[in-house]
Protein backbone atom coordinates (compact mmCIF):
# COMPACT_ATOMS: atom_id res chain seq x y z
CA MET A 1 175.48 137.22 60.67
CA SER A 2 175.41 134.74 57.53
CA ALA A 3 175.73 130.69 57.77
CA ASP A 4 179.17 130.99 57.45
CA HIS A 5 179.77 132.42 60.05
CA ALA A 6 177.35 131.92 63.14
CA VAL A 7 179.81 133.44 65.58
CA GLU A 8 181.64 136.65 65.41
CA SER A 9 184.40 135.46 67.74
CA THR A 10 186.88 133.33 66.49
CA ALA A 11 187.33 131.55 69.82
CA PHE A 12 184.45 131.06 72.42
CA ASN A 13 183.04 128.24 74.85
CA ALA A 14 180.00 125.72 73.85
CA ARG A 15 178.16 125.72 76.94
CA ALA A 16 175.43 122.39 77.10
CA LEU A 17 173.21 123.42 80.05
CA LEU A 18 170.65 120.65 81.17
CA LEU A 19 167.89 122.53 82.20
CA GLY A 20 164.82 120.61 82.12
CA THR A 21 162.89 117.44 80.68
CA ARG A 22 161.37 118.65 77.94
CA LEU A 23 161.64 122.02 75.99
CA GLU A 24 158.42 122.94 73.97
CA LEU A 25 159.83 125.13 70.94
CA ARG A 26 156.80 125.07 68.42
CA GLY A 27 155.89 129.11 68.99
CA TRP A 28 159.89 130.13 68.81
CA PRO A 29 159.32 133.44 66.45
CA GLU A 30 161.04 132.68 62.71
CA SER A 31 162.37 136.02 62.97
CA GLU A 32 165.06 134.55 65.69
CA THR A 33 165.74 131.46 63.99
CA LEU A 34 168.45 129.97 61.62
CA ALA A 35 168.07 126.36 61.21
CA ARG A 36 165.61 123.88 62.32
CA ILE A 37 166.63 120.61 63.27
CA PRO A 38 167.98 120.84 65.81
CA LEU A 39 166.23 124.60 66.74
CA ALA A 40 169.36 127.03 66.07
CA VAL A 41 168.23 130.53 67.03
CA ARG A 42 170.44 134.50 67.78
CA VAL A 43 170.60 135.19 71.23
CA PRO A 44 170.37 139.00 71.99
CA GLY A 45 174.22 140.89 73.11
CA GLY A 46 175.66 138.39 70.34
CA GLY A 47 175.82 134.26 69.83
CA ILE A 48 174.01 131.71 69.38
CA ALA A 49 171.77 128.92 71.36
CA VAL A 50 170.34 125.36 70.21
CA LEU A 51 167.77 124.09 71.63
CA PHE A 52 166.27 120.69 71.91
CA ARG A 53 163.19 118.78 73.13
CA TYR A 54 164.77 116.67 75.70
CA GLY A 55 165.82 120.31 78.03
CA VAL A 56 169.87 120.96 76.76
CA ALA A 57 169.81 124.47 75.49
CA VAL A 58 173.71 125.21 73.51
CA LEU A 59 175.12 128.23 73.87
CA PHE A 60 177.90 129.28 71.83
CA GLY A 61 180.37 132.60 72.12
CA VAL A 62 176.91 133.90 74.42
CA ALA A 63 177.63 136.50 77.30
CA PRO A 64 176.86 135.79 80.53
CA GLU A 65 174.41 138.47 81.38
CA ALA A 66 173.02 137.32 77.92
CA GLU A 67 172.73 133.65 78.94
CA ARG A 68 170.65 134.73 82.07
CA ALA A 69 168.10 136.87 79.90
CA LEU A 70 167.83 133.24 77.71
CA GLN A 71 167.56 130.98 80.57
CA GLU A 72 165.03 133.86 82.52
CA ARG A 73 162.88 133.76 78.89
CA LEU A 74 163.38 130.04 78.65
CA ALA A 75 161.77 129.27 81.94
CA PRO A 76 158.31 128.89 80.91
CA LEU A 77 159.03 126.85 78.04
CA VAL A 78 160.82 124.47 80.42
CA GLU A 79 159.15 120.99 82.07
CA ASN A 80 160.40 119.56 85.32
CA ARG A 81 162.62 122.28 85.72
CA TYR A 82 165.77 120.05 86.99
CA GLY A 83 166.67 122.07 90.77
CA SER A 84 170.94 121.83 89.70
CA VAL A 85 171.64 122.33 85.74
CA GLU A 86 174.05 119.65 84.41
CA GLU A 87 176.27 121.46 82.19
CA GLU A 88 179.13 120.48 79.40
CA THR A 89 181.54 123.38 77.97
CA LEU A 90 184.18 123.01 75.05
CA ALA A 91 186.14 125.58 74.44
CA MET A 92 185.87 126.09 70.76
CA ARG A 93 188.84 127.87 67.75
CA VAL A 94 187.53 128.60 63.87
CA GLU A 95 190.93 128.68 62.00
CA PRO A 96 190.20 127.56 58.32
CA ASP A 97 193.52 126.16 57.59
CA ARG A 98 194.72 123.67 60.40
CA PRO A 99 192.54 120.58 60.21
CA GLU A 100 189.50 120.48 62.11
CA GLY A 101 189.81 118.66 65.76
CA LEU A 102 191.12 118.63 69.20
CA ALA A 103 194.18 120.67 70.05
CA GLU A 104 195.48 121.96 72.92
CA GLY A 105 192.08 122.35 75.46
CA ALA A 106 190.53 123.12 72.23
CA LEU A 107 187.84 121.85 69.16
CA VAL A 108 189.53 123.48 66.15
CA VAL A 109 187.00 123.61 63.49
CA GLN A 110 187.31 125.20 60.27
CA SER A 111 184.81 127.56 60.20
CA GLY A 112 181.65 128.46 62.52
CA GLY A 113 179.00 128.71 60.50
CA VAL A 114 175.60 126.97 61.37
CA ALA A 115 175.81 123.00 60.55
CA ARG A 116 178.87 122.54 62.26
CA LEU A 117 177.65 123.88 65.48
CA GLN A 118 174.75 122.45 65.27
CA LEU A 119 176.43 118.94 65.11
CA VAL A 120 178.45 120.40 68.07
CA ALA A 121 175.45 121.53 69.72
CA ASP A 122 174.32 117.54 68.98
CA VAL A 123 177.19 115.96 71.04
CA LEU A 124 177.22 118.27 74.09
CA SER A 125 173.97 117.86 75.08
CA LYS A 126 173.90 114.00 74.30
CA SER A 127 176.82 114.72 76.56
CA ALA A 128 175.39 116.48 78.92
CA LEU A 129 171.94 113.32 78.40
CA LEU A 130 174.38 111.22 79.82
CA GLY A 131 175.48 112.97 82.76
CA HIS A 132 172.12 113.39 84.48
CA TYR A 133 171.06 109.97 83.83
CA GLU A 134 174.59 107.96 84.89
CA THR A 135 174.39 110.78 88.51
CA ARG A 136 170.21 109.23 88.21
CA LEU A 137 171.02 105.93 87.78
CA GLY A 138 173.89 105.88 90.22
CA ALA A 139 170.83 107.31 92.64
CA GLU A 140 168.52 104.08 91.81
CA PHE A 141 171.47 101.36 92.41
CA ASP A 142 171.94 102.52 95.89
CA ARG A 143 168.09 102.33 96.83
CA ILE A 144 168.51 99.05 94.76
CA GLU A 145 171.21 97.62 97.07
CA PRO A 146 169.63 97.37 100.73
CA PHE A 147 166.87 95.41 99.22
CA ALA A 148 169.00 92.96 98.16
CA GLU A 149 171.49 92.47 101.06
CA GLN A 150 169.02 92.45 103.23
CA LEU A 151 167.74 89.34 101.06
CA GLU A 152 171.21 87.66 101.24
CA ARG A 153 171.66 88.00 104.95
CA SER A 154 167.93 86.98 105.49
CA GLY A 155 166.80 85.20 102.77
CA ARG A 156 163.52 86.63 103.16
CA ASN A 157 161.75 88.95 100.99
CA PRO A 158 163.28 92.27 101.56
CA GLY A 159 160.22 95.19 100.63
CA ARG A 160 157.39 96.17 99.53
CA THR A 161 155.90 95.74 96.68
CA ARG A 162 154.73 99.78 95.49
CA GLU A 163 158.40 100.64 96.41
CA LEU A 164 159.76 98.47 93.87
CA LEU A 165 157.00 99.64 91.06
CA LYS A 166 158.34 102.74 91.85
CA ARG A 167 162.38 101.45 91.04
CA ILE A 168 161.19 99.74 88.28
CA GLY A 169 159.12 103.18 87.26
CA GLY A 170 161.85 105.12 87.49
CA LEU A 171 164.25 103.12 85.10
CA LEU A 172 161.65 102.81 82.55
CA ARG A 173 161.20 106.80 82.52
CA ILE A 174 165.41 107.25 81.91
CA GLU A 175 165.39 104.76 79.44
CA GLN A 176 162.48 106.18 77.78
CA ARG A 177 164.06 109.46 78.05
CA MET A 178 167.40 108.49 76.68
CA VAL A 179 166.41 106.07 73.25
CA GLY A 180 163.30 107.15 72.85
CA ARG A 181 162.77 111.38 72.99
CA ALA A 182 166.96 111.89 73.28
CA GLU A 183 167.78 109.04 70.18
CA ILE A 184 171.20 109.11 72.10
CA GLY A 185 172.31 106.30 70.48
CA ASP A 186 170.82 107.18 66.21
CA LYS A 187 173.46 109.33 64.65
CA PRO A 188 172.03 113.67 64.50
CA GLU A 189 169.75 113.87 61.58
CA LEU A 190 171.42 116.84 60.05
CA LEU A 191 174.29 114.55 58.67
CA TRP A 192 172.04 113.60 55.88
CA ASP A 193 172.22 116.72 54.11
CA HIS A 194 175.95 117.62 55.65
CA PRO A 195 178.08 114.52 55.34
CA GLU A 196 181.72 116.22 54.64
CA LEU A 197 180.56 116.54 58.84
CA GLU A 198 180.96 112.73 59.28
CA ARG A 199 185.37 113.31 60.35
CA LEU A 200 184.08 116.10 63.00
CA TYR A 201 180.68 113.83 64.20
CA ALA A 202 183.29 110.68 64.74
CA LEU A 203 185.68 112.77 66.66
CA LEU A 204 183.25 114.48 68.93
CA GLU A 205 181.65 111.69 70.03
CA ALA A 206 185.26 108.98 70.88
CA GLU A 207 186.47 112.12 72.62
CA PHE A 208 183.14 112.61 74.83
CA GLU A 209 182.69 108.20 74.82
CA VAL A 210 178.67 108.72 73.30
CA HIS A 211 178.51 105.33 72.73
CA GLU A 212 181.03 103.32 75.16
CA ARG A 213 178.73 105.61 77.64
CA LEU A 214 175.29 104.65 76.85
CA ALA A 215 176.25 101.02 76.37
CA VAL A 216 176.78 101.01 80.10
CA MET A 217 174.02 102.88 81.15
CA GLU A 218 171.94 99.94 79.02
CA ARG A 219 174.06 97.70 80.85
CA LYS A 220 173.28 98.77 84.69
CA LEU A 221 169.73 99.27 83.66
CA ASP A 222 169.15 96.07 81.98
CA LEU A 223 171.09 94.43 85.57
CA ALA A 224 169.12 96.98 88.26
CA GLY A 225 165.97 95.87 86.25
CA ARG A 226 166.57 92.73 86.65
CA THR A 227 166.79 92.48 90.29
CA VAL A 228 163.82 95.02 91.10
CA ARG A 229 161.80 92.77 88.57
CA THR A 230 163.41 89.52 90.93
CA LEU A 231 162.88 90.91 93.91
CA VAL A 232 159.32 91.67 92.72
CA ASP A 233 158.19 88.14 91.42
CA LEU A 234 159.61 87.05 94.83
CA ILE A 235 157.11 88.98 97.23
CA ASN A 236 154.06 88.12 94.85
CA ALA A 237 155.64 84.28 94.96
CA ARG A 238 154.81 84.99 98.68
CA HIS A 239 151.50 86.40 98.92
CA SER A 240 150.11 83.60 96.73
CA LEU A 241 151.54 81.16 99.31
CA ARG A 242 149.77 83.02 102.10
CA VAL A 243 147.14 82.68 100.09
CA GLU A 244 147.26 79.07 99.38
CA TRP A 245 147.41 78.76 103.21
CA TYR A 246 144.70 80.34 103.76
CA ILE A 247 142.21 78.88 101.46
CA VAL A 248 144.02 75.49 102.44
CA ALA A 249 143.25 76.44 106.69
CA LEU A 250 139.50 77.21 105.31
CA ILE A 251 139.76 74.18 103.42
CA VAL A 252 140.54 72.62 106.81
CA VAL A 253 137.72 74.31 109.19
CA GLU A 254 135.04 74.02 107.09
CA ILE A 255 135.75 70.21 106.97
CA LEU A 256 136.06 70.36 110.95
CA LEU A 257 132.56 72.32 111.25
CA THR A 258 131.04 69.26 108.75
CA LEU A 259 133.01 66.94 111.14
CA TYR A 260 131.15 68.26 114.11
CA GLY A 261 128.15 68.64 112.92
CA MET A 262 128.05 64.32 111.66
CA TRP A 263 129.33 63.87 114.90
CA PHE A 264 127.25 66.30 117.94
CA ARG A 265 123.29 65.77 116.27
């Protein structure tokens, strides 16, 4: 298998599978490694896989039996494995004489080389990760909405600080994994060594709307974060007011006890 023909077939599927929050890949055997950053490896039985530390495996031309074997091999390397696998699929065809782009429901590329597949894998993996966190963020909004509705309806503080702090933690974790670990908004390092793939990257990024989806996610994260922080501030203000009333009450009691002692000596 040469670097120019990483997948033997000229028509195959690319499948991105989000398995968990992280893949521990440092010990992967060099004998199976085709390229690094991101890690591209041979799959026994045919095809290749591109593996990402943020928990995504992208498979190219891998048969179902070989995929099951690979997932079993990856299972001990997955941290915080998800109950259901987020998946992104793209049909691909290798046609050297045609311009690269999407045609007839498939991505046409001029070669099946490792670098091109790594680039496709980068965009597919980020799309799968975005899909997962779009669902997660929707669930967070569903949890936050009753607090806001109760505040609007009754004008009273709607929840406990602990529960709201959990929501803030969940939002921060989503942002950290998308921006810090996966670097979704950044171009892949691969383009520094292969500037000829810039056009293909721009095409794929536009097709999967990576930047647009990320921008929407960031706005939603900001809105949800501000909402929860406002609710926490209201609860803290209520607690502070309650403490102030306790202090006032104690002062009044102390004054009354002093007056009582003065009058009834």
